[in-house]
Amino acid sequence: AAAKAVPAPGTAAPASAAASGAARAQPGLLSGVVLNWRLWVMGLNYFCIGIIRSCLTDWTPIFLQEEKGFAVAVASRCLCSFELGGFLGSVAAGRVSDSAFGGRRGPVMCMCTALLCPALIGLAAVSSESGLLACYFTLGALAFPVHVLLGLASREVVEPAGAPPPR
């Protein structure tokens, strides 16, 4: 049998072997990113959550004045509560995804996204200022973490250029 040429310690492998390994390791922009269905699902989720966040921040003053009869000062407090909930919810969601799910972001993103629907329904049902503050805090705590975790998760589903494929 023919003996394989093994490079001496400290020397580089033959160019043909290195080139074929590099070709296998880099999936390419098209297959690794553009055709990655996970990124498309994340993008759709990001778009929908972005619309919810934008609508809440842009329409809260008008909604609370015209539909609920509250002053602009209440709307300001509600939006402050929304931002505070978003900050604290993002930190908590990161901790939960690391400790309860071993660093997997998907389960936490799914839970936050699913819980947004009842929280939005609660916004329509609440009529007191304290209830509105709690509702906006909850909405922030559910909507902001999805944006934060989607950024982290998108990095985890795309292989870095030159990295070996997962086993």
Protein backbone atom coordinates (compact mmCIF):
# COMPACT_ATOMS: atom_id res chain seq x y z
CA ALA A 1 0.00 0.00 0.00
CA ALA A 2 1.12 3.52 -0.75
CA ALA A 3 2.19 5.53 2.25
CA LYS A 4 0.53 8.90 2.79
CA ALA A 5 2.78 11.91 3.03
CA VAL A 6 2.53 13.27 6.54
CA PRO A 7 3.95 16.75 7.07
CA ALA A 8 6.67 17.09 9.62
CA PRO A 9 5.75 18.76 12.90
CA GLY A 10 5.78 22.53 12.56
CA THR A 11 5.26 22.49 8.78
CA ALA A 12 2.11 23.28 6.85
CA ALA A 13 -0.12 20.67 5.27
CA PRO A 14 -0.03 20.31 1.49
CA ALA A 15 -1.83 23.16 -0.29
CA SER A 16 -4.43 20.89 -1.90
CA ALA A 17 -5.58 19.49 1.46
CA ALA A 18 -5.76 22.96 3.04
CA ALA A 19 -7.72 24.34 0.10
CA SER A 20 -10.26 21.51 0.10
CA GLY A 21 -10.76 21.89 3.88
CA ALA A 22 -11.34 25.64 3.53
CA ALA A 23 -13.89 25.07 0.78
CA ARG A 24 -15.85 22.73 3.03
CA ALA A 25 -15.63 25.04 6.07
CA GLN A 26 -17.11 28.15 4.41
CA PRO A 27 -20.76 27.59 3.46
CA GLY A 28 -20.94 30.84 1.50
CA LEU A 29 -23.19 33.84 1.68
CA LEU A 30 -26.02 32.31 -0.31
CA SER A 31 -26.37 28.99 1.49
CA GLY A 32 -25.15 30.13 4.91
CA VAL A 33 -27.15 33.35 5.21
CA VAL A 34 -29.64 34.12 2.44
CA LEU A 35 -31.15 30.62 2.27
CA ASN A 36 -31.03 30.03 6.03
CA TRP A 37 -34.68 29.54 7.00
CA ARG A 38 -33.92 30.24 10.67
CA LEU A 39 -32.77 33.76 9.80
CA TRP A 40 -35.96 34.35 7.79
CA VAL A 41 -38.14 33.31 10.73
CA MET A 42 -36.10 35.55 13.03
CA GLY A 43 -36.42 38.41 10.56
CA LEU A 44 -40.19 38.01 10.41
CA ASN A 45 -40.38 37.95 14.22
CA TYR A 46 -38.14 41.02 14.44
CA PHE A 47 -40.37 42.87 11.95
CA CYS A 48 -43.57 42.04 13.85
CA ILE A 49 -42.12 42.93 17.25
CA GLY A 50 -40.75 46.15 15.74
CA ILE A 51 -44.22 47.13 14.55
CA ILE A 52 -45.69 46.46 18.00
CA ARG A 53 -42.99 48.53 19.71
CA SER A 54 -43.31 51.38 17.23
CA CYS A 55 -47.08 51.47 17.52
CA LEU A 56 -46.91 51.50 21.30
CA THR A 57 -44.39 54.32 21.47
CA ASP A 58 -45.95 56.40 18.69
CA TRP A 59 -49.65 55.95 19.47
CA THR A 60 -49.74 55.76 23.28
CA PRO A 61 -50.35 59.49 23.86
CA ILE A 62 -53.21 59.60 21.36
CA PHE A 63 -54.69 56.27 22.49
CA LEU A 64 -54.65 57.18 26.17
CA GLN A 65 -56.11 60.65 25.57
CA GLU A 66 -58.83 59.76 23.07
CA GLU A 67 -59.82 56.24 24.11
CA LYS A 68 -59.08 56.19 27.83
CA GLY A 69 -59.46 59.88 28.72
CA PHE A 70 -56.06 60.28 30.40
CA ALA A 71 -53.79 63.32 30.31
CA VAL A 72 -50.51 63.47 28.42
CA ALA A 73 -48.61 63.18 31.72
CA VAL A 74 -50.08 59.70 32.23
CA ALA A 75 -48.97 58.71 28.73
CA SER A 76 -45.46 59.93 29.57
CA ARG A 77 -45.38 57.81 32.72
CA CYS A 78 -46.67 54.81 30.76
CA LEU A 79 -43.93 55.17 28.14
CA CYS A 80 -41.32 55.50 30.88
CA SER A 81 -42.72 52.32 32.43
CA PHE A 82 -42.54 50.65 29.00
CA GLU A 83 -38.83 51.51 28.66
CA LEU A 84 -38.04 50.47 32.24
CA GLY A 85 -39.81 47.16 31.71
CA GLY A 86 -37.85 46.71 28.50
CA PHE A 87 -34.52 47.21 30.20
CA LEU A 88 -35.28 44.94 33.15
CA GLY A 89 -36.99 42.36 30.94
CA SER A 90 -33.99 42.19 28.61
CA VAL A 91 -31.61 41.55 31.49
CA ALA A 92 -33.95 38.94 32.99
CA ALA A 93 -34.50 37.21 29.63
CA GLY A 94 -30.75 36.90 29.11
CA ARG A 95 -30.31 35.37 32.54
CA VAL A 96 -33.21 32.95 32.00
CA SER A 97 -31.95 31.86 28.58
CA ASP A 98 -28.51 31.18 30.04
CA SER A 99 -29.55 29.47 33.27
CA ALA A 100 -32.80 27.67 32.45
CA PHE A 101 -32.20 26.86 28.79
CA GLY A 102 -28.43 26.41 28.61
CA GLY A 103 -27.84 29.49 26.46
CA ARG A 104 -30.58 28.70 23.96
CA ARG A 105 -32.39 31.93 23.06
CA GLY A 106 -35.30 30.42 21.12
CA PRO A 107 -37.49 29.25 24.01
CA VAL A 108 -37.31 32.62 25.77
CA MET A 109 -38.04 34.51 22.54
CA CYS A 110 -41.04 32.26 21.85
CA MET A 111 -42.43 32.72 25.36
CA CYS A 112 -42.04 36.51 25.24
CA THR A 113 -43.63 36.70 21.79
CA ALA A 114 -46.55 34.46 22.80
CA LEU A 115 -47.20 36.43 26.00
CA LEU A 116 -47.39 39.73 24.10
CA CYS A 117 -50.90 38.89 22.83
CA PRO A 118 -52.56 38.63 26.26
CA ALA A 119 -50.63 41.70 27.41
CA LEU A 120 -51.95 43.72 24.45
CA ILE A 121 -55.49 42.52 25.19
CA GLY A 122 -54.95 43.56 28.80
CA LEU A 123 -54.02 47.04 27.59
CA ALA A 124 -57.48 47.41 26.06
CA ALA A 125 -59.20 46.13 29.22
CA VAL A 126 -57.33 48.19 31.84
CA SER A 127 -58.87 51.48 32.91
CA SER A 128 -56.86 52.68 35.94
CA GLU A 129 -53.56 54.54 35.83
CA SER A 130 -51.78 51.95 37.99
CA GLY A 131 -53.12 49.17 35.78
CA LEU A 132 -51.87 50.98 32.68
CA LEU A 133 -48.42 51.45 34.23
CA ALA A 134 -48.24 47.75 35.05
CA CYS A 135 -49.48 46.82 31.59
CA TYR A 136 -46.92 49.01 29.81
CA PHE A 137 -44.16 47.68 32.06
CA THR A 138 -45.19 44.13 31.12
CA LEU A 139 -45.35 44.99 27.41
CA GLY A 140 -41.83 46.43 27.56
CA ALA A 141 -40.56 43.43 29.52
CA LEU A 142 -41.90 41.14 26.77
CA ALA A 143 -41.15 43.12 23.60
CA PHE A 144 -37.63 44.42 24.23
CA PRO A 145 -35.99 41.05 25.08
CA VAL A 146 -37.08 39.62 21.75
CA HIS A 147 -35.07 42.30 19.92
CA VAL A 148 -32.04 41.75 22.13
CA LEU A 149 -32.13 37.95 21.97
CA LEU A 150 -32.79 37.90 18.21
CA GLY A 151 -29.51 39.69 17.67
CA LEU A 152 -27.66 37.10 19.72
CA ALA A 153 -29.51 34.15 18.21
CA SER A 154 -28.86 35.29 14.64
CA ARG A 155 -25.13 35.16 15.33
CA GLU A 156 -25.52 31.64 16.66
CA VAL A 157 -27.29 30.18 13.62
CA VAL A 158 -24.80 31.48 11.03
CA GLU A 159 -21.36 29.93 10.94
CA PRO A 160 -18.51 32.43 11.02
CA ALA A 161 -16.40 32.50 7.86
CA GLY A 162 -13.68 29.89 8.06
CA ALA A 163 -15.10 28.07 11.08
CA PRO A 164 -15.41 24.31 10.87
CA PRO A 165 -18.95 23.03 10.36
CA PRO A 166 -20.75 21.81 13.48
CA ARG A 167 -20.50 18.09 14.24
